[in-house]
PDBML (XML) file of the C-alpha atoms, coordinates in Angstrom:
<?xml version="1.0" encoding="UTF-8" ?>
<PDBx:datablock datablockName="MODEL"
   xmlns:PDBx="http://pdbml.pdb.org/schema/pdbx-v50.xsd"
   xmlns:xsi="http://www.w3.org/2001/XMLSchema-instance"
   xsi:schemaLocation="http://pdbml.pdb.org/schema/pdbx-v50.xsd pdbx-v50.xsd">
   <PDBx:atom_siteCategory>
      <PDBx:atom_site id="1">
         <PDBx:B_iso_or_equiv>0.00</PDBx:B_iso_or_equiv>
         <PDBx:Cartn_x>86.759</PDBx:Cartn_x>
         <PDBx:Cartn_y>93.109</PDBx:Cartn_y>
         <PDBx:Cartn_z>90.159</PDBx:Cartn_z>
         <PDBx:auth_asym_id>A</PDBx:auth_asym_id>
         <PDBx:auth_atom_id>CA</PDBx:auth_atom_id>
         <PDBx:auth_comp_id>PHE</PDBx:auth_comp_id>
         <PDBx:auth_seq_id>1</PDBx:auth_seq_id>
         <PDBx:group_PDB>ATOM</PDBx:group_PDB>
         <PDBx:label_alt_id xsi:nil="true" />
         <PDBx:label_asym_id>A</PDBx:label_asym_id>
         <PDBx:label_atom_id>CA</PDBx:label_atom_id>
         <PDBx:label_comp_id>PHE</PDBx:label_comp_id>
         <PDBx:label_entity_id>1</PDBx:label_entity_id>
         <PDBx:label_seq_id>1</PDBx:label_seq_id>
         <PDBx:occupancy>1.00</PDBx:occupancy>
         <PDBx:pdbx_PDB_model_num>1</PDBx:pdbx_PDB_model_num>
         <PDBx:type_symbol>C</PDBx:type_symbol>
      </PDBx:atom_site>
      <PDBx:atom_site id="2">
         <PDBx:B_iso_or_equiv>0.00</PDBx:B_iso_or_equiv>
         <PDBx:Cartn_x>88.612</PDBx:Cartn_x>
         <PDBx:Cartn_y>95.596</PDBx:Cartn_y>
         <PDBx:Cartn_z>92.441</PDBx:Cartn_z>
         <PDBx:auth_asym_id>A</PDBx:auth_asym_id>
         <PDBx:auth_atom_id>CA</PDBx:auth_atom_id>
         <PDBx:auth_comp_id>ARG</PDBx:auth_comp_id>
         <PDBx:auth_seq_id>2</PDBx:auth_seq_id>
         <PDBx:group_PDB>ATOM</PDBx:group_PDB>
         <PDBx:label_alt_id xsi:nil="true" />
         <PDBx:label_asym_id>A</PDBx:label_asym_id>
         <PDBx:label_atom_id>CA</PDBx:label_atom_id>
         <PDBx:label_comp_id>ARG</PDBx:label_comp_id>
         <PDBx:label_entity_id>1</PDBx:label_entity_id>
         <PDBx:label_seq_id>2</PDBx:label_seq_id>
         <PDBx:occupancy>1.00</PDBx:occupancy>
         <PDBx:pdbx_PDB_model_num>1</PDBx:pdbx_PDB_model_num>
         <PDBx:type_symbol>C</PDBx:type_symbol>
      </PDBx:atom_site>
      <PDBx:atom_site id="3">
         <PDBx:B_iso_or_equiv>0.00</PDBx:B_iso_or_equiv>
         <PDBx:Cartn_x>86.535</PDBx:Cartn_x>
         <PDBx:Cartn_y>97.965</PDBx:Cartn_y>
         <PDBx:Cartn_z>91.031</PDBx:Cartn_z>
         <PDBx:auth_asym_id>A</PDBx:auth_asym_id>
         <PDBx:auth_atom_id>CA</PDBx:auth_atom_id>
         <PDBx:auth_comp_id>ILE</PDBx:auth_comp_id>
         <PDBx:auth_seq_id>3</PDBx:auth_seq_id>
         <PDBx:group_PDB>ATOM</PDBx:group_PDB>
         <PDBx:label_alt_id xsi:nil="true" />
         <PDBx:label_asym_id>A</PDBx:label_asym_id>
         <PDBx:label_atom_id>CA</PDBx:label_atom_id>
         <PDBx:label_comp_id>ILE</PDBx:label_comp_id>
         <PDBx:label_entity_id>1</PDBx:label_entity_id>
         <PDBx:label_seq_id>3</PDBx:label_seq_id>
         <PDBx:occupancy>1.00</PDBx:occupancy>
         <PDBx:pdbx_PDB_model_num>1</PDBx:pdbx_PDB_model_num>
         <PDBx:type_symbol>C</PDBx:type_symbol>
      </PDBx:atom_site>
      <PDBx:atom_site id="4">
         <PDBx:B_iso_or_equiv>0.00</PDBx:B_iso_or_equiv>
         <PDBx:Cartn_x>83.434</PDBx:Cartn_x>
         <PDBx:Cartn_y>96.091</PDBx:Cartn_y>
         <PDBx:Cartn_z>92.296</PDBx:Cartn_z>
         <PDBx:auth_asym_id>A</PDBx:auth_asym_id>
         <PDBx:auth_atom_id>CA</PDBx:auth_atom_id>
         <PDBx:auth_comp_id>LEU</PDBx:auth_comp_id>
         <PDBx:auth_seq_id>4</PDBx:auth_seq_id>
         <PDBx:group_PDB>ATOM</PDBx:group_PDB>
         <PDBx:label_alt_id xsi:nil="true" />
         <PDBx:label_asym_id>A</PDBx:label_asym_id>
         <PDBx:label_atom_id>CA</PDBx:label_atom_id>
         <PDBx:label_comp_id>LEU</PDBx:label_comp_id>
         <PDBx:label_entity_id>1</PDBx:label_entity_id>
         <PDBx:label_seq_id>4</PDBx:label_seq_id>
         <PDBx:occupancy>1.00</PDBx:occupancy>
         <PDBx:pdbx_PDB_model_num>1</PDBx:pdbx_PDB_model_num>
         <PDBx:type_symbol>C</PDBx:type_symbol>
      </PDBx:atom_site>
      <PDBx:atom_site id="5">
         <PDBx:B_iso_or_equiv>0.00</PDBx:B_iso_or_equiv>
         <PDBx:Cartn_x>84.948</PDBx:Cartn_x>
         <PDBx:Cartn_y>96.077</PDBx:Cartn_y>
         <PDBx:Cartn_z>95.948</PDBx:Cartn_z>
         <PDBx:auth_asym_id>A</PDBx:auth_asym_id>
         <PDBx:auth_atom_id>CA</PDBx:auth_atom_id>
         <PDBx:auth_comp_id>GLN</PDBx:auth_comp_id>
         <PDBx:auth_seq_id>5</PDBx:auth_seq_id>
         <PDBx:group_PDB>ATOM</PDBx:group_PDB>
         <PDBx:label_alt_id xsi:nil="true" />
         <PDBx:label_asym_id>A</PDBx:label_asym_id>
         <PDBx:label_atom_id>CA</PDBx:label_atom_id>
         <PDBx:label_comp_id>GLN</PDBx:label_comp_id>
         <PDBx:label_entity_id>1</PDBx:label_entity_id>
         <PDBx:label_seq_id>5</PDBx:label_seq_id>
         <PDBx:occupancy>1.00</PDBx:occupancy>
         <PDBx:pdbx_PDB_model_num>1</PDBx:pdbx_PDB_model_num>
         <PDBx:type_symbol>C</PDBx:type_symbol>
      </PDBx:atom_site>
      <PDBx:atom_site id="6">
         <PDBx:B_iso_or_equiv>0.00</PDBx:B_iso_or_equiv>
         <PDBx:Cartn_x>83.374</PDBx:Cartn_x>
         <PDBx:Cartn_y>99.766</PDBx:Cartn_y>
         <PDBx:Cartn_z>96.212</PDBx:Cartn_z>
         <PDBx:auth_asym_id>A</PDBx:auth_asym_id>
         <PDBx:auth_atom_id>CA</PDBx:auth_atom_id>
         <PDBx:auth_comp_id>TYR</PDBx:auth_comp_id>
         <PDBx:auth_seq_id>6</PDBx:auth_seq_id>
         <PDBx:group_PDB>ATOM</PDBx:group_PDB>
         <PDBx:label_alt_id xsi:nil="true" />
         <PDBx:label_asym_id>A</PDBx:label_asym_id>
         <PDBx:label_atom_id>CA</PDBx:label_atom_id>
         <PDBx:label_comp_id>TYR</PDBx:label_comp_id>
         <PDBx:label_entity_id>1</PDBx:label_entity_id>
         <PDBx:label_seq_id>6</PDBx:label_seq_id>
         <PDBx:occupancy>1.00</PDBx:occupancy>
         <PDBx:pdbx_PDB_model_num>1</PDBx:pdbx_PDB_model_num>
         <PDBx:type_symbol>C</PDBx:type_symbol>
      </PDBx:atom_site>
      <PDBx:atom_site id="7">
         <PDBx:B_iso_or_equiv>0.00</PDBx:B_iso_or_equiv>
         <PDBx:Cartn_x>79.972</PDBx:Cartn_x>
         <PDBx:Cartn_y>101.073</PDBx:Cartn_y>
         <PDBx:Cartn_z>96.904</PDBx:Cartn_z>
         <PDBx:auth_asym_id>A</PDBx:auth_asym_id>
         <PDBx:auth_atom_id>CA</PDBx:auth_atom_id>
         <PDBx:auth_comp_id>PRO</PDBx:auth_comp_id>
         <PDBx:auth_seq_id>7</PDBx:auth_seq_id>
         <PDBx:group_PDB>ATOM</PDBx:group_PDB>
         <PDBx:label_alt_id xsi:nil="true" />
         <PDBx:label_asym_id>A</PDBx:label_asym_id>
         <PDBx:label_atom_id>CA</PDBx:label_atom_id>
         <PDBx:label_comp_id>PRO</PDBx:label_comp_id>
         <PDBx:label_entity_id>1</PDBx:label_entity_id>
         <PDBx:label_seq_id>7</PDBx:label_seq_id>
         <PDBx:occupancy>1.00</PDBx:occupancy>
         <PDBx:pdbx_PDB_model_num>1</PDBx:pdbx_PDB_model_num>
         <PDBx:type_symbol>C</PDBx:type_symbol>
      </PDBx:atom_site>
      <PDBx:atom_site id="8">
         <PDBx:B_iso_or_equiv>0.00</PDBx:B_iso_or_equiv>
         <PDBx:Cartn_x>80.547</PDBx:Cartn_x>
         <PDBx:Cartn_y>103.709</PDBx:Cartn_y>
         <PDBx:Cartn_z>94.091</PDBx:Cartn_z>
         <PDBx:auth_asym_id>A</PDBx:auth_asym_id>
         <PDBx:auth_atom_id>CA</PDBx:auth_atom_id>
         <PDBx:auth_comp_id>PHE</PDBx:auth_comp_id>
         <PDBx:auth_seq_id>8</PDBx:auth_seq_id>
         <PDBx:group_PDB>ATOM</PDBx:group_PDB>
         <PDBx:label_alt_id xsi:nil="true" />
         <PDBx:label_asym_id>A</PDBx:label_asym_id>
         <PDBx:label_atom_id>CA</PDBx:label_atom_id>
         <PDBx:label_comp_id>PHE</PDBx:label_comp_id>
         <PDBx:label_entity_id>1</PDBx:label_entity_id>
         <PDBx:label_seq_id>8</PDBx:label_seq_id>
         <PDBx:occupancy>1.00</PDBx:occupancy>
         <PDBx:pdbx_PDB_model_num>1</PDBx:pdbx_PDB_model_num>
         <PDBx:type_symbol>C</PDBx:type_symbol>
      </PDBx:atom_site>
      <PDBx:atom_site id="9">
         <PDBx:B_iso_or_equiv>0.00</PDBx:B_iso_or_equiv>
         <PDBx:Cartn_x>82.689</PDBx:Cartn_x>
         <PDBx:Cartn_y>101.668</PDBx:Cartn_y>
         <PDBx:Cartn_z>91.694</PDBx:Cartn_z>
         <PDBx:auth_asym_id>A</PDBx:auth_asym_id>
         <PDBx:auth_atom_id>CA</PDBx:auth_atom_id>
         <PDBx:auth_comp_id>GLY</PDBx:auth_comp_id>
         <PDBx:auth_seq_id>9</PDBx:auth_seq_id>
         <PDBx:group_PDB>ATOM</PDBx:group_PDB>
         <PDBx:label_alt_id xsi:nil="true" />
         <PDBx:label_asym_id>A</PDBx:label_asym_id>
         <PDBx:label_atom_id>CA</PDBx:label_atom_id>
         <PDBx:label_comp_id>GLY</PDBx:label_comp_id>
         <PDBx:label_entity_id>1</PDBx:label_entity_id>
         <PDBx:label_seq_id>9</PDBx:label_seq_id>
         <PDBx:occupancy>1.00</PDBx:occupancy>
         <PDBx:pdbx_PDB_model_num>1</PDBx:pdbx_PDB_model_num>
         <PDBx:type_symbol>C</PDBx:type_symbol>
      </PDBx:atom_site>
      <PDBx:atom_site id="10">
         <PDBx:B_iso_or_equiv>0.00</PDBx:B_iso_or_equiv>
         <PDBx:Cartn_x>79.623</PDBx:Cartn_x>
         <PDBx:Cartn_y>99.411</PDBx:Cartn_y>
         <PDBx:Cartn_z>91.610</PDBx:Cartn_z>
         <PDBx:auth_asym_id>A</PDBx:auth_asym_id>
         <PDBx:auth_atom_id>CA</PDBx:auth_atom_id>
         <PDBx:auth_comp_id>ARG</PDBx:auth_comp_id>
         <PDBx:auth_seq_id>10</PDBx:auth_seq_id>
         <PDBx:group_PDB>ATOM</PDBx:group_PDB>
         <PDBx:label_alt_id xsi:nil="true" />
         <PDBx:label_asym_id>A</PDBx:label_asym_id>
         <PDBx:label_atom_id>CA</PDBx:label_atom_id>
         <PDBx:label_comp_id>ARG</PDBx:label_comp_id>
         <PDBx:label_entity_id>1</PDBx:label_entity_id>
         <PDBx:label_seq_id>10</PDBx:label_seq_id>
         <PDBx:occupancy>1.00</PDBx:occupancy>
         <PDBx:pdbx_PDB_model_num>1</PDBx:pdbx_PDB_model_num>
         <PDBx:type_symbol>C</PDBx:type_symbol>
      </PDBx:atom_site>
      <PDBx:atom_site id="11">
         <PDBx:B_iso_or_equiv>0.00</PDBx:B_iso_or_equiv>
         <PDBx:Cartn_x>77.175</PDBx:Cartn_x>
         <PDBx:Cartn_y>102.108</PDBx:Cartn_y>
         <PDBx:Cartn_z>90.956</PDBx:Cartn_z>
         <PDBx:auth_asym_id>A</PDBx:auth_asym_id>
         <PDBx:auth_atom_id>CA</PDBx:auth_atom_id>
         <PDBx:auth_comp_id>TRP</PDBx:auth_comp_id>
         <PDBx:auth_seq_id>11</PDBx:auth_seq_id>
         <PDBx:group_PDB>ATOM</PDBx:group_PDB>
         <PDBx:label_alt_id xsi:nil="true" />
         <PDBx:label_asym_id>A</PDBx:label_asym_id>
         <PDBx:label_atom_id>CA</PDBx:label_atom_id>
         <PDBx:label_comp_id>TRP</PDBx:label_comp_id>
         <PDBx:label_entity_id>1</PDBx:label_entity_id>
         <PDBx:label_seq_id>11</PDBx:label_seq_id>
         <PDBx:occupancy>1.00</PDBx:occupancy>
         <PDBx:pdbx_PDB_model_num>1</PDBx:pdbx_PDB_model_num>
         <PDBx:type_symbol>C</PDBx:type_symbol>
      </PDBx:atom_site>
      <PDBx:atom_site id="12">
         <PDBx:B_iso_or_equiv>0.00</PDBx:B_iso_or_equiv>
         <PDBx:Cartn_x>79.556</PDBx:Cartn_x>
         <PDBx:Cartn_y>103.302</PDBx:Cartn_y>
         <PDBx:Cartn_z>88.419</PDBx:Cartn_z>
         <PDBx:auth_asym_id>A</PDBx:auth_asym_id>
         <PDBx:auth_atom_id>CA</PDBx:auth_atom_id>
         <PDBx:auth_comp_id>LEU</PDBx:auth_comp_id>
         <PDBx:auth_seq_id>12</PDBx:auth_seq_id>
         <PDBx:group_PDB>ATOM</PDBx:group_PDB>
         <PDBx:label_alt_id xsi:nil="true" />
         <PDBx:label_asym_id>A</PDBx:label_asym_id>
         <PDBx:label_atom_id>CA</PDBx:label_atom_id>
         <PDBx:label_comp_id>LEU</PDBx:label_comp_id>
         <PDBx:label_entity_id>1</PDBx:label_entity_id>
         <PDBx:label_seq_id>12</PDBx:label_seq_id>
         <PDBx:occupancy>1.00</PDBx:occupancy>
         <PDBx:pdbx_PDB_model_num>1</PDBx:pdbx_PDB_model_num>
         <PDBx:type_symbol>C</PDBx:type_symbol>
      </PDBx:atom_site>
      <PDBx:atom_site id="13">
         <PDBx:B_iso_or_equiv>0.00</PDBx:B_iso_or_equiv>
         <PDBx:Cartn_x>79.972</PDBx:Cartn_x>
         <PDBx:Cartn_y>99.636</PDBx:Cartn_y>
         <PDBx:Cartn_z>86.532</PDBx:Cartn_z>
         <PDBx:auth_asym_id>A</PDBx:auth_asym_id>
         <PDBx:auth_atom_id>CA</PDBx:auth_atom_id>
         <PDBx:auth_comp_id>ALA</PDBx:auth_comp_id>
         <PDBx:auth_seq_id>13</PDBx:auth_seq_id>
         <PDBx:group_PDB>ATOM</PDBx:group_PDB>
         <PDBx:label_alt_id xsi:nil="true" />
         <PDBx:label_asym_id>A</PDBx:label_asym_id>
         <PDBx:label_atom_id>CA</PDBx:label_atom_id>
         <PDBx:label_comp_id>ALA</PDBx:label_comp_id>
         <PDBx:label_entity_id>1</PDBx:label_entity_id>
         <PDBx:label_seq_id>13</PDBx:label_seq_id>
         <PDBx:occupancy>1.00</PDBx:occupancy>
         <PDBx:pdbx_PDB_model_num>1</PDBx:pdbx_PDB_model_num>
         <PDBx:type_symbol>C</PDBx:type_symbol>
      </PDBx:atom_site>
      <PDBx:atom_site id="14">
         <PDBx:B_iso_or_equiv>0.00</PDBx:B_iso_or_equiv>
         <PDBx:Cartn_x>76.262</PDBx:Cartn_x>
         <PDBx:Cartn_y>99.749</PDBx:Cartn_y>
         <PDBx:Cartn_z>85.857</PDBx:Cartn_z>
         <PDBx:auth_asym_id>A</PDBx:auth_asym_id>
         <PDBx:auth_atom_id>CA</PDBx:auth_atom_id>
         <PDBx:auth_comp_id>THR</PDBx:auth_comp_id>
         <PDBx:auth_seq_id>14</PDBx:auth_seq_id>
         <PDBx:group_PDB>ATOM</PDBx:group_PDB>
         <PDBx:label_alt_id xsi:nil="true" />
         <PDBx:label_asym_id>A</PDBx:label_asym_id>
         <PDBx:label_atom_id>CA</PDBx:label_atom_id>
         <PDBx:label_comp_id>THR</PDBx:label_comp_id>
         <PDBx:label_entity_id>1</PDBx:label_entity_id>
         <PDBx:label_seq_id>14</PDBx:label_seq_id>
         <PDBx:occupancy>1.00</PDBx:occupancy>
         <PDBx:pdbx_PDB_model_num>1</PDBx:pdbx_PDB_model_num>
         <PDBx:type_symbol>C</PDBx:type_symbol>
      </PDBx:atom_site>
      <PDBx:atom_site id="15">
         <PDBx:B_iso_or_equiv>0.00</PDBx:B_iso_or_equiv>
         <PDBx:Cartn_x>76.808</PDBx:Cartn_x>
         <PDBx:Cartn_y>102.954</PDBx:Cartn_y>
         <PDBx:Cartn_z>83.920</PDBx:Cartn_z>
         <PDBx:auth_asym_id>A</PDBx:auth_asym_id>
         <PDBx:auth_atom_id>CA</PDBx:auth_atom_id>
         <PDBx:auth_comp_id>GLN</PDBx:auth_comp_id>
         <PDBx:auth_seq_id>15</PDBx:auth_seq_id>
         <PDBx:group_PDB>ATOM</PDBx:group_PDB>
         <PDBx:label_alt_id xsi:nil="true" />
         <PDBx:label_asym_id>A</PDBx:label_asym_id>
         <PDBx:label_atom_id>CA</PDBx:label_atom_id>
         <PDBx:label_comp_id>GLN</PDBx:label_comp_id>
         <PDBx:label_entity_id>1</PDBx:label_entity_id>
         <PDBx:label_seq_id>15</PDBx:label_seq_id>
         <PDBx:occupancy>1.00</PDBx:occupancy>
         <PDBx:pdbx_PDB_model_num>1</PDBx:pdbx_PDB_model_num>
         <PDBx:type_symbol>C</PDBx:type_symbol>
      </PDBx:atom_site>
      <PDBx:atom_site id="16">
         <PDBx:B_iso_or_equiv>0.00</PDBx:B_iso_or_equiv>
         <PDBx:Cartn_x>80.151</PDBx:Cartn_x>
         <PDBx:Cartn_y>102.968</PDBx:Cartn_y>
         <PDBx:Cartn_z>82.184</PDBx:Cartn_z>
         <PDBx:auth_asym_id>A</PDBx:auth_asym_id>
         <PDBx:auth_atom_id>CA</PDBx:auth_atom_id>
         <PDBx:auth_comp_id>ILE</PDBx:auth_comp_id>
         <PDBx:auth_seq_id>16</PDBx:auth_seq_id>
         <PDBx:group_PDB>ATOM</PDBx:group_PDB>
         <PDBx:label_alt_id xsi:nil="true" />
         <PDBx:label_asym_id>A</PDBx:label_asym_id>
         <PDBx:label_atom_id>CA</PDBx:label_atom_id>
         <PDBx:label_comp_id>ILE</PDBx:label_comp_id>
         <PDBx:label_entity_id>1</PDBx:label_entity_id>
         <PDBx:label_seq_id>16</PDBx:label_seq_id>
         <PDBx:occupancy>1.00</PDBx:occupancy>
         <PDBx:pdbx_PDB_model_num>1</PDBx:pdbx_PDB_model_num>
         <PDBx:type_symbol>C</PDBx:type_symbol>
      </PDBx:atom_site>
      <PDBx:atom_site id="17">
         <PDBx:B_iso_or_equiv>0.00</PDBx:B_iso_or_equiv>
         <PDBx:Cartn_x>81.746</PDBx:Cartn_x>
         <PDBx:Cartn_y>100.080</PDBx:Cartn_y>
         <PDBx:Cartn_z>80.611</PDBx:Cartn_z>
         <PDBx:auth_asym_id>A</PDBx:auth_asym_id>
         <PDBx:auth_atom_id>CA</PDBx:auth_atom_id>
         <PDBx:auth_comp_id>THR</PDBx:auth_comp_id>
         <PDBx:auth_seq_id>17</PDBx:auth_seq_id>
         <PDBx:group_PDB>ATOM</PDBx:group_PDB>
         <PDBx:label_alt_id xsi:nil="true" />
         <PDBx:label_asym_id>A</PDBx:label_asym_id>
         <PDBx:label_atom_id>CA</PDBx:label_atom_id>
         <PDBx:label_comp_id>THR</PDBx:label_comp_id>
         <PDBx:label_entity_id>1</PDBx:label_entity_id>
         <PDBx:label_seq_id>17</PDBx:label_seq_id>
         <PDBx:occupancy>1.00</PDBx:occupancy>
         <PDBx:pdbx_PDB_model_num>1</PDBx:pdbx_PDB_model_num>
         <PDBx:type_symbol>C</PDBx:type_symbol>
      </PDBx:atom_site>
      <PDBx:atom_site id="18">
         <PDBx:B_iso_or_equiv>0.00</PDBx:B_iso_or_equiv>
         <PDBx:Cartn_x>84.478</PDBx:Cartn_x>
         <PDBx:Cartn_y>101.062</PDBx:Cartn_y>
         <PDBx:Cartn_z>78.342</PDBx:Cartn_z>
         <PDBx:auth_asym_id>A</PDBx:auth_asym_id>
         <PDBx:auth_atom_id>CA</PDBx:auth_atom_id>
         <PDBx:auth_comp_id>PRO</PDBx:auth_comp_id>
         <PDBx:auth_seq_id>18</PDBx:auth_seq_id>
         <PDBx:group_PDB>ATOM</PDBx:group_PDB>
         <PDBx:label_alt_id xsi:nil="true" />
         <PDBx:label_asym_id>A</PDBx:label_asym_id>
         <PDBx:label_atom_id>CA</PDBx:label_atom_id>
         <PDBx:label_comp_id>PRO</PDBx:label_comp_id>
         <PDBx:label_entity_id>1</PDBx:label_entity_id>
         <PDBx:label_seq_id>18</PDBx:label_seq_id>
         <PDBx:occupancy>1.00</PDBx:occupancy>
         <PDBx:pdbx_PDB_model_num>1</PDBx:pdbx_PDB_model_num>
         <PDBx:type_symbol>C</PDBx:type_symbol>
      </PDBx:atom_site>
      <PDBx:atom_site id="19">
         <PDBx:B_iso_or_equiv>0.00</PDBx:B_iso_or_equiv>
         <PDBx:Cartn_x>85.617</PDBx:Cartn_x>
         <PDBx:Cartn_y>98.045</PDBx:Cartn_y>
         <PDBx:Cartn_z>76.016</PDBx:Cartn_z>
         <PDBx:auth_asym_id>A</PDBx:auth_asym_id>
         <PDBx:auth_atom_id>CA</PDBx:auth_atom_id>
         <PDBx:auth_comp_id>ARG</PDBx:auth_comp_id>
         <PDBx:auth_seq_id>19</PDBx:auth_seq_id>
         <PDBx:group_PDB>ATOM</PDBx:group_PDB>
         <PDBx:label_alt_id xsi:nil="true" />
         <PDBx:label_asym_id>A</PDBx:label_asym_id>
         <PDBx:label_atom_id>CA</PDBx:label_atom_id>
         <PDBx:label_comp_id>ARG</PDBx:label_comp_id>
         <PDBx:label_entity_id>1</PDBx:label_entity_id>
         <PDBx:label_seq_id>19</PDBx:label_seq_id>
         <PDBx:occupancy>1.00</PDBx:occupancy>
         <PDBx:pdbx_PDB_model_num>1</PDBx:pdbx_PDB_model_num>
         <PDBx:type_symbol>C</PDBx:type_symbol>
      </PDBx:atom_site>
      <PDBx:atom_site id="20">
         <PDBx:B_iso_or_equiv>0.00</PDBx:B_iso_or_equiv>
         <PDBx:Cartn_x>89.213</PDBx:Cartn_x>
         <PDBx:Cartn_y>99.199</PDBx:Cartn_y>
         <PDBx:Cartn_z>77.346</PDBx:Cartn_z>
         <PDBx:auth_asym_id>A</PDBx:auth_asym_id>
         <PDBx:auth_atom_id>CA</PDBx:auth_atom_id>
         <PDBx:auth_comp_id>SER</PDBx:auth_comp_id>
         <PDBx:auth_seq_id>20</PDBx:auth_seq_id>
         <PDBx:group_PDB>ATOM</PDBx:group_PDB>
         <PDBx:label_alt_id xsi:nil="true" />
         <PDBx:label_asym_id>A</PDBx:label_asym_id>
         <PDBx:label_atom_id>CA</PDBx:label_atom_id>
         <PDBx:label_comp_id>SER</PDBx:label_comp_id>
         <PDBx:label_entity_id>1</PDBx:label_entity_id>
         <PDBx:label_seq_id>20</PDBx:label_seq_id>
         <PDBx:occupancy>1.00</PDBx:occupancy>
         <PDBx:pdbx_PDB_model_num>1</PDBx:pdbx_PDB_model_num>
         <PDBx:type_symbol>C</PDBx:type_symbol>
      </PDBx:atom_site>
      <PDBx:atom_site id="21">
         <PDBx:B_iso_or_equiv>0.00</PDBx:B_iso_or_equiv>
         <PDBx:Cartn_x>88.599</PDBx:Cartn_x>
         <PDBx:Cartn_y>98.506</PDBx:Cartn_y>
         <PDBx:Cartn_z>80.777</PDBx:Cartn_z>
         <PDBx:auth_asym_id>A</PDBx:auth_asym_id>
         <PDBx:auth_atom_id>CA</PDBx:auth_atom_id>
         <PDBx:auth_comp_id>LEU</PDBx:auth_comp_id>
         <PDBx:auth_seq_id>21</PDBx:auth_seq_id>
         <PDBx:group_PDB>ATOM</PDBx:group_PDB>
         <PDBx:label_alt_id xsi:nil="true" />
         <PDBx:label_asym_id>A</PDBx:label_asym_id>
         <PDBx:label_atom_id>CA</PDBx:label_atom_id>
         <PDBx:label_comp_id>LEU</PDBx:label_comp_id>
         <PDBx:label_entity_id>1</PDBx:label_entity_id>
         <PDBx:label_seq_id>21</PDBx:label_seq_id>
         <PDBx:occupancy>1.00</PDBx:occupancy>
         <PDBx:pdbx_PDB_model_num>1</PDBx:pdbx_PDB_model_num>
         <PDBx:type_symbol>C</PDBx:type_symbol>
      </PDBx:atom_site>
      <PDBx:atom_site id="22">
         <PDBx:B_iso_or_equiv>0.00</PDBx:B_iso_or_equiv>
         <PDBx:Cartn_x>86.861</PDBx:Cartn_x>
         <PDBx:Cartn_y>94.874</PDBx:Cartn_y>
         <PDBx:Cartn_z>79.853</PDBx:Cartn_z>
         <PDBx:auth_asym_id>A</PDBx:auth_asym_id>
         <PDBx:auth_atom_id>CA</PDBx:auth_atom_id>
         <PDBx:auth_comp_id>VAL</PDBx:auth_comp_id>
         <PDBx:auth_seq_id>22</PDBx:auth_seq_id>
         <PDBx:group_PDB>ATOM</PDBx:group_PDB>
         <PDBx:label_alt_id xsi:nil="true" />
         <PDBx:label_asym_id>A</PDBx:label_asym_id>
         <PDBx:label_atom_id>CA</PDBx:label_atom_id>
         <PDBx:label_comp_id>VAL</PDBx:label_comp_id>
         <PDBx:label_entity_id>1</PDBx:label_entity_id>
         <PDBx:label_seq_id>22</PDBx:label_seq_id>
         <PDBx:occupancy>1.00</PDBx:occupancy>
         <PDBx:pdbx_PDB_model_num>1</PDBx:pdbx_PDB_model_num>
         <PDBx:type_symbol>C</PDBx:type_symbol>
      </PDBx:atom_site>
      <PDBx:atom_site id="23">
         <PDBx:B_iso_or_equiv>0.00</PDBx:B_iso_or_equiv>
         <PDBx:Cartn_x>90.141</PDBx:Cartn_x>
         <PDBx:Cartn_y>93.964</PDBx:Cartn_y>
         <PDBx:Cartn_z>77.848</PDBx:Cartn_z>
         <PDBx:auth_asym_id>A</PDBx:auth_asym_id>
         <PDBx:auth_atom_id>CA</PDBx:auth_atom_id>
         <PDBx:auth_comp_id>GLU</PDBx:auth_comp_id>
         <PDBx:auth_seq_id>23</PDBx:auth_seq_id>
         <PDBx:group_PDB>ATOM</PDBx:group_PDB>
         <PDBx:label_alt_id xsi:nil="true" />
         <PDBx:label_asym_id>A</PDBx:label_asym_id>
         <PDBx:label_atom_id>CA</PDBx:label_atom_id>
         <PDBx:label_comp_id>GLU</PDBx:label_comp_id>
         <PDBx:label_entity_id>1</PDBx:label_entity_id>
         <PDBx:label_seq_id>23</PDBx:label_seq_id>
         <PDBx:occupancy>1.00</PDBx:occupancy>
         <PDBx:pdbx_PDB_model_num>1</PDBx:pdbx_PDB_model_num>
         <PDBx:type_symbol>C</PDBx:type_symbol>
      </PDBx:atom_site>
      <PDBx:atom_site id="24">
         <PDBx:B_iso_or_equiv>0.00</PDBx:B_iso_or_equiv>
         <PDBx:Cartn_x>92.311</PDBx:Cartn_x>
         <PDBx:Cartn_y>94.882</PDBx:Cartn_y>
         <PDBx:Cartn_z>80.368</PDBx:Cartn_z>
         <PDBx:auth_asym_id>A</PDBx:auth_asym_id>
         <PDBx:auth_atom_id>CA</PDBx:auth_atom_id>
         <PDBx:auth_comp_id>GLU</PDBx:auth_comp_id>
         <PDBx:auth_seq_id>24</PDBx:auth_seq_id>
         <PDBx:group_PDB>ATOM</PDBx:group_PDB>
         <PDBx:label_alt_id xsi:nil="true" />
         <PDBx:label_asym_id>A</PDBx:label_asym_id>
         <PDBx:label_atom_id>CA</PDBx:label_atom_id>
         <PDBx:label_comp_id>GLU</PDBx:label_comp_id>
         <PDBx:label_entity_id>1</PDBx:label_entity_id>
         <PDBx:label_seq_id>24</PDBx:label_seq_id>
         <PDBx:occupancy>1.00</PDBx:occupancy>
         <PDBx:pdbx_PDB_model_num>1</PDBx:pdbx_PDB_model_num>
         <PDBx:type_symbol>C</PDBx:type_symbol>
      </PDBx:atom_site>
   </PDBx:atom_siteCategory>
</PDBx:datablock>
């Protein structure tokens, strides 16, 4: 949710979704 607070983070979240990030 912290990543989604930023425009670049929102774009990046549509492209790169590591399983480790989901687990964390």
